[in-house]
Amino acid sequence: MVKEEKAIEETQAKPNPLQFVWFAATLSYSLSLFQKYGGQIPSFYILLTAGGFHALLEANMWLFSTASLFKVIPFFIMAMLHIASFIQTDLMPNSSISNRIDAGLKQNETFIELVLAESKLVVFLRLIFDVILMRMSAGVMLIIYGIIFKIRIQYVPSTYASIMRLGSRIDALAENPKCPAKAKDIWAKIKEGIHNSQSSNLVSEESNKELESNANKISQIPLRGNAKKIDNAEKKTQ
């Protein structure tokens, strides 16, 4: 018994390697937001529309959670985009490499945003799975991440599009005659809840319609193969 307690204490005492990733991400996004707003503290509603603020909240949350590589994937994608932007604008501006990076980002901009949104959805589903398995602090993390994810649904078309894509897949399964009626009812209530979340007073009805329109366009992009760019799909909502 004593040996087991010592083993648990030693495990808890060992630093989580991913905590260094979250600490670096927290510092990076804090500095990014500080520079973006010139050292001023913007209003709460302005922060809600900032993708960097969403990432900062996530990094702070994961800093105190259990390790999981699923949580790293969205930050890895964002880090690659930041590195590409740094090479393009600061390290090698006006070079052939910079031009190729610029062309590649413009051609696949919306596709990359959709993949990023899909990766965040995978994290959300993983948290639900952790709650089912009753893993430590999974319930609290799911609630916090659910709030952040709801904010992204309301302000980021690619996130809303990822929900629509998943919804269409589940709809196809629900239409199967073999699908239990109870499962169909549960899915209908979930869809109604998602729809009602878009009617929240955090955003205007006009913004909701524009968000849904942009999300509809993005959701048509296949995750495999070349994706066509939809100009300024996310910028229109900001």
C-alpha atoms as a PDB file:
ATOM      1  CA  MET A   1       0.000   0.000   0.000  1.00  0.00           C
ATOM      2  CA  VAL A   2       2.815   2.359   0.928  1.00  0.00           C
ATOM      3  CA  LYS A   3       4.638   1.494  -2.286  1.00  0.00           C
ATOM      4  CA  GLU A   4       1.522   2.270  -4.320  1.00  0.00           C
ATOM      5  CA  GLU A   5       1.130   5.668  -2.620  1.00  0.00           C
ATOM      6  CA  LYS A   6       4.787   6.476  -3.279  1.00  0.00           C
ATOM      7  CA  ALA A   7       4.383   5.478  -6.927  1.00  0.00           C
ATOM      8  CA  ILE A   8       1.381   7.789  -7.255  1.00  0.00           C
ATOM      9  CA  GLU A   9       3.270  10.658  -5.599  1.00  0.00           C
ATOM     10  CA  GLU A  10       6.256  10.141  -7.894  1.00  0.00           C
ATOM     11  CA  THR A  11       3.983  10.112 -10.961  1.00  0.00           C
ATOM     12  CA  GLN A  12       2.285  13.318  -9.857  1.00  0.00           C
ATOM     13  CA  ALA A  13       5.639  14.951  -9.123  1.00  0.00           C
ATOM     14  CA  LYS A  14       6.969  14.308 -12.617  1.00  0.00           C
ATOM     15  CA  PRO A  15       6.435  17.343 -14.864  1.00  0.00           C
ATOM     16  CA  ASN A  16       4.224  16.831 -17.886  1.00  0.00           C
ATOM     17  CA  PRO A  17       6.386  17.475 -21.001  1.00  0.00           C
ATOM     18  CA  LEU A  18       3.391  18.989 -22.765  1.00  0.00           C
ATOM     19  CA  GLN A  19       3.068  21.594 -20.019  1.00  0.00           C
ATOM     20  CA  PHE A  20       6.075  23.335 -21.548  1.00  0.00           C
ATOM     21  CA  VAL A  21       4.158  23.466 -24.846  1.00  0.00           C
ATOM     22  CA  TRP A  22       1.122  25.043 -23.179  1.00  0.00           C
ATOM     23  CA  PHE A  23       3.283  27.477 -21.221  1.00  0.00           C
ATOM     24  CA  ALA A  24       5.051  28.564 -24.421  1.00  0.00           C
ATOM     25  CA  ALA A  25       1.696  28.868 -26.221  1.00  0.00           C
ATOM     26  CA  THR A  26       0.244  30.938 -23.370  1.00  0.00           C
ATOM     27  CA  LEU A  27       3.219  33.289 -23.431  1.00  0.00           C
ATOM     28  CA  SER A  28       3.197  33.516 -27.231  1.00  0.00           C
ATOM     29  CA  TYR A  29      -0.504  34.326 -27.582  1.00  0.00           C
ATOM     30  CA  SER A  30      -0.398  36.762 -24.656  1.00  0.00           C
ATOM     31  CA  LEU A  31       2.386  38.719 -26.366  1.00  0.00           C
ATOM     32  CA  SER A  32       0.578  38.477 -29.705  1.00  0.00           C
ATOM     33  CA  LEU A  33      -2.626  39.953 -28.272  1.00  0.00           C
ATOM     34  CA  PHE A  34      -0.639  42.612 -26.406  1.00  0.00           C
ATOM     35  CA  GLN A  35       1.045  43.717 -29.644  1.00  0.00           C
ATOM     36  CA  LYS A  36      -2.164  43.475 -31.678  1.00  0.00           C
ATOM     37  CA  TYR A  37      -4.035  45.893 -29.425  1.00  0.00           C
ATOM     38  CA  GLY A  38      -1.060  48.134 -28.669  1.00  0.00           C
ATOM     39  CA  GLY A  39      -0.920  47.297 -24.988  1.00  0.00           C
ATOM     40  CA  GLN A  40      -4.537  48.347 -24.487  1.00  0.00           C
ATOM     41  CA  ILE A  41      -7.178  46.070 -23.025  1.00  0.00           C
ATOM     42  CA  PRO A  42      -9.926  45.639 -25.644  1.00  0.00           C
ATOM     43  CA  SER A  43     -13.567  45.101 -24.794  1.00  0.00           C
ATOM     44  CA  PHE A  44     -14.815  41.635 -23.955  1.00  0.00           C
ATOM     45  CA  TYR A  45     -16.805  41.371 -27.189  1.00  0.00           C
ATOM     46  CA  ILE A  46     -13.763  42.268 -29.298  1.00  0.00           C
ATOM     47  CA  LEU A  47     -11.774  39.523 -27.576  1.00  0.00           C
ATOM     48  CA  LEU A  48     -14.537  37.026 -28.309  1.00  0.00           C
ATOM     49  CA  THR A  49     -13.966  37.506 -32.043  1.00  0.00           C
ATOM     50  CA  ALA A  50     -10.167  37.108 -31.808  1.00  0.00           C
ATOM     51  CA  GLY A  51      -8.844  33.661 -32.710  1.00  0.00           C
ATOM     52  CA  GLY A  52      -5.703  34.338 -30.675  1.00  0.00           C
ATOM     53  CA  PHE A  53      -7.838  34.850 -27.568  1.00  0.00           C
ATOM     54  CA  HIS A  54      -9.569  31.496 -28.129  1.00  0.00           C
ATOM     55  CA  ALA A  55      -6.162  29.808 -28.459  1.00  0.00           C
ATOM     56  CA  LEU A  56      -4.926  31.569 -25.308  1.00  0.00           C
ATOM     57  CA  LEU A  57      -7.886  30.251 -23.324  1.00  0.00           C
ATOM     58  CA  GLU A  58      -7.269  26.730 -24.624  1.00  0.00           C
ATOM     59  CA  ALA A  59      -3.550  26.847 -23.810  1.00  0.00           C
ATOM     60  CA  ASN A  60      -4.303  27.995 -20.252  1.00  0.00           C
ATOM     61  CA  MET A  61      -6.824  25.193 -19.861  1.00  0.00           C
ATOM     62  CA  TRP A  62      -4.502  22.453 -21.144  1.00  0.00           C
ATOM     63  CA  LEU A  63      -1.735  23.762 -18.870  1.00  0.00           C
ATOM     64  CA  PHE A  64      -3.621  22.245 -15.925  1.00  0.00           C
ATOM     65  CA  SER A  65      -4.950  19.118 -17.634  1.00  0.00           C
ATOM     66  CA  THR A  66      -3.669  15.629 -18.373  1.00  0.00           C
ATOM     67  CA  ALA A  67      -1.332  15.059 -21.319  1.00  0.00           C
ATOM     68  CA  SER A  68      -2.793  14.191 -24.713  1.00  0.00           C
ATOM     69  CA  LEU A  69      -1.314  14.491 -28.195  1.00  0.00           C
ATOM     70  CA  PHE A  70      -4.791  15.206 -29.583  1.00  0.00           C
ATOM     71  CA  LYS A  71      -4.662  18.575 -27.837  1.00  0.00           C
ATOM     72  CA  VAL A  72      -1.354  19.435 -29.512  1.00  0.00           C
ATOM     73  CA  ILE A  73      -2.559  19.009 -33.114  1.00  0.00           C
ATOM     74  CA  PRO A  74      -4.451  22.348 -33.429  1.00  0.00           C
ATOM     75  CA  PHE A  75      -1.516  24.230 -31.903  1.00  0.00           C
ATOM     76  CA  PHE A  76       0.910  22.433 -34.232  1.00  0.00           C
ATOM     77  CA  ILE A  77      -1.116  23.561 -37.258  1.00  0.00           C
ATOM     78  CA  MET A  78      -1.238  27.142 -35.972  1.00  0.00           C
ATOM     79  CA  ALA A  79       2.499  27.064 -35.236  1.00  0.00           C
ATOM     80  CA  MET A  80       3.233  25.984 -38.825  1.00  0.00           C
ATOM     81  CA  LEU A  81       1.092  28.864 -40.113  1.00  0.00           C
ATOM     82  CA  HIS A  82       2.927  31.328 -37.870  1.00  0.00           C
ATOM     83  CA  ILE A  83       6.318  30.027 -39.033  1.00  0.00           C
ATOM     84  CA  ALA A  84       5.239  30.337 -42.670  1.00  0.00           C
ATOM     85  CA  SER A  85       4.046  33.884 -42.027  1.00  0.00           C
ATOM     86  CA  PHE A  86       7.319  34.770 -40.276  1.00  0.00           C
ATOM     87  CA  ILE A  87       9.384  33.456 -43.201  1.00  0.00           C
ATOM     88  CA  GLN A  88       7.193  35.297 -45.675  1.00  0.00           C
ATOM     89  CA  THR A  89       7.102  38.702 -43.972  1.00  0.00           C
ATOM     90  CA  ASP A  90      10.248  38.940 -41.824  1.00  0.00           C
ATOM     91  CA  LEU A  91      12.887  36.332 -42.610  1.00  0.00           C
ATOM     92  CA  MET A  92      12.816  36.196 -46.414  1.00  0.00           C
ATOM     93  CA  PRO A  93      10.467  38.902 -47.728  1.00  0.00           C
ATOM     94  CA  ASN A  94      10.105  39.353 -51.505  1.00  0.00           C
ATOM     95  CA  SER A  95      12.018  36.121 -52.199  1.00  0.00           C
ATOM     96  CA  SER A  96      10.961  33.224 -54.429  1.00  0.00           C
ATOM     97  CA  ILE A  97      10.366  31.070 -51.344  1.00  0.00           C
ATOM     98  CA  SER A  98       8.237  33.811 -49.817  1.00  0.00           C
ATOM     99  CA  ASN A  99       6.205  34.093 -53.012  1.00  0.00           C
ATOM    100  CA  ARG A 100       5.620  30.338 -53.111  1.00  0.00           C
ATOM    101  CA  ILE A 101       4.526  30.341 -49.466  1.00  0.00           C
ATOM    102  CA  ASP A 102       2.171  33.247 -50.134  1.00  0.00           C
ATOM    103  CA  ALA A 103       0.665  31.513 -53.170  1.00  0.00           C
ATOM    104  CA  GLY A 104       0.246  28.243 -51.283  1.00  0.00           C
ATOM    105  CA  LEU A 105      -1.413  29.902 -48.292  1.00  0.00           C
ATOM    106  CA  LYS A 106      -3.799  31.883 -50.479  1.00  0.00           C
ATOM    107  CA  GLN A 107      -4.739  28.850 -52.542  1.00  0.00           C
ATOM    108  CA  ASN A 108      -5.411  26.652 -49.510  1.00  0.00           C
ATOM    109  CA  GLU A 109      -6.391  29.270 -46.932  1.00  0.00           C
ATOM    110  CA  THR A 110      -9.958  28.109 -46.364  1.00  0.00           C
ATOM    111  CA  PHE A 111      -9.001  24.436 -46.562  1.00  0.00           C
ATOM    112  CA  ILE A 112      -6.380  24.917 -43.821  1.00  0.00           C
ATOM    113  CA  GLU A 113      -8.885  26.768 -41.641  1.00  0.00           C
ATOM    114  CA  LEU A 114     -11.355  23.926 -42.072  1.00  0.00           C
ATOM    115  CA  VAL A 115      -8.750  21.287 -41.160  1.00  0.00           C
ATOM    116  CA  LEU A 116      -7.883  23.357 -38.073  1.00  0.00           C
ATOM    117  CA  ALA A 117     -11.550  23.515 -37.103  1.00  0.00           C
ATOM    118  CA  GLU A 118     -11.911  19.761 -37.654  1.00  0.00           C
ATOM    119  CA  SER A 119      -8.921  19.122 -35.373  1.00  0.00           C
ATOM    120  CA  LYS A 120     -10.570  21.168 -32.614  1.00  0.00           C
ATOM    121  CA  LEU A 121     -13.761  19.176 -33.080  1.00  0.00           C
ATOM    122  CA  VAL A 122     -11.750  15.959 -32.658  1.00  0.00           C
ATOM    123  CA  VAL A 123     -10.401  17.314 -29.353  1.00  0.00           C
ATOM    124  CA  PHE A 124     -13.965  18.054 -28.234  1.00  0.00           C
ATOM    125  CA  LEU A 125     -15.089  14.514 -29.092  1.00  0.00           C
ATOM    126  CA  ARG A 126     -12.034  13.118 -27.294  1.00  0.00           C
ATOM    127  CA  LEU A 127     -13.018  15.014 -24.139  1.00  0.00           C
ATOM    128  CA  ILE A 128     -16.505  13.502 -24.330  1.00  0.00           C
ATOM    129  CA  PHE A 129     -14.872  10.070 -24.586  1.00  0.00           C
ATOM    130  CA  ASP A 130     -12.707  10.880 -21.530  1.00  0.00           C
ATOM    131  CA  VAL A 131     -15.824  11.823 -19.559  1.00  0.00           C
ATOM    132  CA  ILE A 132     -17.452   8.504 -20.481  1.00  0.00           C
ATOM    133  CA  LEU A 133     -14.338   6.726 -19.161  1.00  0.00           C
ATOM    134  CA  MET A 134     -14.486   8.949 -16.037  1.00  0.00           C
ATOM    135  CA  ARG A 135     -10.926  10.157 -16.372  1.00  0.00           C
ATOM    136  CA  MET A 136      -9.587  12.691 -13.902  1.00  0.00           C
ATOM    137  CA  SER A 137     -10.870  16.283 -14.377  1.00  0.00           C
ATOM    138  CA  ALA A 138     -12.314  15.379 -17.813  1.00  0.00           C
ATOM    139  CA  GLY A 139     -15.762  16.700 -16.869  1.00  0.00           C
ATOM    140  CA  VAL A 140     -14.472  20.128 -15.870  1.00  0.00           C
ATOM    141  CA  MET A 141     -12.301  20.359 -18.987  1.00  0.00           C
ATOM    142  CA  LEU A 142     -15.245  19.377 -21.182  1.00  0.00           C
ATOM    143  CA  ILE A 143     -17.403  22.158 -19.732  1.00  0.00           C
ATOM    144  CA  ILE A 144     -14.687  24.804 -20.165  1.00  0.00           C
ATOM    145  CA  TYR A 145     -13.750  23.630 -23.649  1.00  0.00           C
ATOM    146  CA  GLY A 146     -17.449  23.445 -24.543  1.00  0.00           C
ATOM    147  CA  ILE A 147     -17.838  27.137 -23.677  1.00  0.00           C
ATOM    148  CA  ILE A 148     -14.804  28.059 -25.803  1.00  0.00           C
ATOM    149  CA  PHE A 149     -16.054  25.852 -28.631  1.00  0.00           C
ATOM    150  CA  LYS A 150     -19.489  27.507 -28.483  1.00  0.00           C
ATOM    151  CA  ILE A 151     -17.831  30.909 -28.845  1.00  0.00           C
ATOM    152  CA  ARG A 152     -15.908  29.671 -31.882  1.00  0.00           C
ATOM    153  CA  ILE A 153     -19.106  28.322 -33.426  1.00  0.00           C
ATOM    154  CA  GLN A 154     -20.672  31.769 -33.102  1.00  0.00           C
ATOM    155  CA  TYR A 155     -17.754  33.727 -34.528  1.00  0.00           C
ATOM    156  CA  VAL A 156     -15.696  31.417 -36.762  1.00  0.00           C
ATOM    157  CA  PRO A 157     -17.334  30.117 -39.978  1.00  0.00           C
ATOM    158  CA  SER A 158     -14.893  27.213 -40.363  1.00  0.00           C
ATOM    159  CA  THR A 159     -15.799  25.897 -36.892  1.00  0.00           C
ATOM    160  CA  TYR A 160     -19.507  26.154 -37.649  1.00  0.00           C
ATOM    161  CA  ALA A 161     -18.826  24.430 -40.985  1.00  0.00           C
ATOM    162  CA  SER A 162     -17.090  21.524 -39.233  1.00  0.00           C
ATOM    163  CA  ILE A 163     -20.206  21.075 -37.084  1.00  0.00           C
ATOM    164  CA  MET A 164     -22.372  21.118 -40.207  1.00  0.00           C
ATOM    165  CA  ARG A 165     -20.162  18.509 -41.890  1.00  0.00           C
ATOM    166  CA  LEU A 166     -20.367  16.238 -38.854  1.00  0.00           C
ATOM    167  CA  GLY A 167     -24.110  16.857 -38.672  1.00  0.00           C
ATOM    168  CA  SER A 168     -24.620  15.807 -42.279  1.00  0.00           C
ATOM    169  CA  ARG A 169     -22.740  12.564 -41.619  1.00  0.00           C
ATOM    170  CA  ILE A 170     -24.862  11.802 -38.553  1.00  0.00           C
ATOM    171  CA  ASP A 171     -28.026  12.714 -40.493  1.00  0.00           C
ATOM    172  CA  ALA A 172     -27.100  10.076 -43.059  1.00  0.00           C
ATOM    173  CA  LEU A 173     -26.748   7.500 -40.279  1.00  0.00           C
ATOM    174  CA  ALA A 174     -30.010   8.614 -38.648  1.00  0.00           C
ATOM    175  CA  GLU A 175     -31.888   8.125 -41.918  1.00  0.00           C
ATOM    176  CA  ASN A 176     -30.955   4.459 -41.863  1.00  0.00           C
ATOM    177  CA  PRO A 177     -34.092   2.402 -41.072  1.00  0.00           C
ATOM    178  CA  LYS A 178     -32.031   0.311 -38.654  1.00  0.00           C
ATOM    179  CA  CYS A 179     -31.216   3.375 -36.522  1.00  0.00           C
ATOM    180  CA  PRO A 180     -33.114   3.208 -33.174  1.00  0.00           C
ATOM    181  CA  ALA A 181     -35.896   5.772 -32.729  1.00  0.00           C
ATOM    182  CA  LYS A 182     -34.422   6.860 -29.383  1.00  0.00           C
ATOM    183  CA  ALA A 183     -31.083   7.651 -31.027  1.00  0.00           C
ATOM    184  CA  LYS A 184     -32.900   9.725 -33.666  1.00  0.00           C
ATOM    185  CA  ASP A 185     -34.722  11.684 -30.945  1.00  0.00           C
ATOM    186  CA  ILE A 186     -31.476  12.380 -29.087  1.00  0.00           C
ATOM    187  CA  TRP A 187     -29.801  13.576 -32.285  1.00  0.00           C
ATOM    188  CA  ALA A 188     -32.812  15.804 -33.094  1.00  0.00           C
ATOM    189  CA  LYS A 189     -32.509  17.468 -29.667  1.00  0.00           C
ATOM    190  CA  ILE A 190     -28.755  17.975 -30.128  1.00  0.00           C
ATOM    191  CA  LYS A 191     -29.331  19.615 -33.528  1.00  0.00           C
ATOM    192  CA  GLU A 192     -31.989  21.851 -32.026  1.00  0.00           C
ATOM    193  CA  GLY A 193     -29.568  22.894 -29.281  1.00  0.00           C
ATOM    194  CA  ILE A 194     -26.873  23.759 -31.838  1.00  0.00           C
ATOM    195  CA  HIS A 195     -29.377  25.787 -33.854  1.00  0.00           C
ATOM    196  CA  ASN A 196     -30.582  27.628 -30.750  1.00  0.00           C
ATOM    197  CA  SER A 197     -26.998  28.479 -29.798  1.00  0.00           C
ATOM    198  CA  GLN A 198     -26.756  30.456 -33.034  1.00  0.00           C
ATOM    199  CA  SER A 199     -29.671  32.613 -31.867  1.00  0.00           C
ATOM    200  CA  SER A 200     -27.740  33.735 -28.784  1.00  0.00           C
ATOM    201  CA  ASN A 201     -27.788  37.438 -27.992  1.00  0.00           C
ATOM    202  CA  LEU A 202     -23.991  37.530 -28.243  1.00  0.00           C
ATOM    203  CA  VAL A 203     -24.322  38.112 -31.985  1.00  0.00           C
ATOM    204  CA  SER A 204     -26.939  39.842 -34.106  1.00  0.00           C
ATOM    205  CA  GLU A 205     -29.412  38.013 -36.329  1.00  0.00           C
ATOM    206  CA  GLU A 206     -27.731  39.536 -39.385  1.00  0.00           C
ATOM    207  CA  SER A 207     -24.325  38.242 -38.254  1.00  0.00           C
ATOM    208  CA  ASN A 208     -25.811  34.796 -37.665  1.00  0.00           C
ATOM    209  CA  LYS A 209     -27.187  34.693 -41.213  1.00  0.00           C
ATOM    210  CA  GLU A 210     -23.848  35.808 -42.658  1.00  0.00           C
ATOM    211  CA  LEU A 211     -21.987  33.269 -40.526  1.00  0.00           C
ATOM    212  CA  GLU A 212     -24.291  30.469 -41.659  1.00  0.00           C
ATOM    213  CA  SER A 213     -23.920  31.541 -45.295  1.00  0.00           C
ATOM    214  CA  ASN A 214     -20.114  31.510 -45.091  1.00  0.00           C
ATOM    215  CA  ALA A 215     -20.156  28.207 -43.207  1.00  0.00           C
ATOM    216  CA  ASN A 216     -22.358  26.668 -45.897  1.00  0.00           C
ATOM    217  CA  LYS A 217     -19.770  27.633 -48.514  1.00  0.00           C
ATOM    218  CA  ILE A 218     -16.863  26.299 -46.480  1.00  0.00           C
ATOM    219  CA  SER A 219     -18.643  23.043 -45.643  1.00  0.00           C
ATOM    220  CA  GLN A 220     -18.794  22.190 -49.347  1.00  0.00           C
ATOM    221  CA  ILE A 221     -14.986  21.966 -49.509  1.00  0.00           C
ATOM    222  CA  PRO A 222     -13.758  18.349 -49.600  1.00  0.00           C
ATOM    223  CA  LEU A 223     -11.144  17.467 -46.999  1.00  0.00           C
ATOM    224  CA  ARG A 224      -9.356  15.402 -49.629  1.00  0.00           C
ATOM    225  CA  GLY A 225      -8.001  16.820 -52.847  1.00  0.00           C
ATOM    226  CA  ASN A 226      -7.471  20.427 -53.887  1.00  0.00           C
ATOM    227  CA  ALA A 227      -9.714  22.934 -52.161  1.00  0.00           C
ATOM    228  CA  LYS A 228     -10.933  26.089 -53.828  1.00  0.00           C
ATOM    229  CA  LYS A 229     -10.381  29.303 -51.950  1.00  0.00           C
ATOM    230  CA  ILE A 230     -13.388  31.237 -50.720  1.00  0.00           C
ATOM    231  CA  ASP A 231     -12.219  34.818 -50.524  1.00  0.00           C
ATOM    232  CA  ASN A 232     -12.410  36.449 -47.101  1.00  0.00           C
ATOM    233  CA  ALA A 233     -14.923  33.907 -45.766  1.00  0.00           C
ATOM    234  CA  GLU A 234     -13.900  34.514 -42.181  1.00  0.00           C
ATOM    235  CA  LYS A 235     -12.945  38.176 -42.472  1.00  0.00           C
ATOM    236  CA  LYS A 236     -16.533  39.112 -43.336  1.00  0.00           C
ATOM    237  CA  THR A 237     -17.735  38.143 -39.873  1.00  0.00           C
ATOM    238  CA  GLN A 238     -15.174  40.253 -38.032  1.00  0.00           C
END
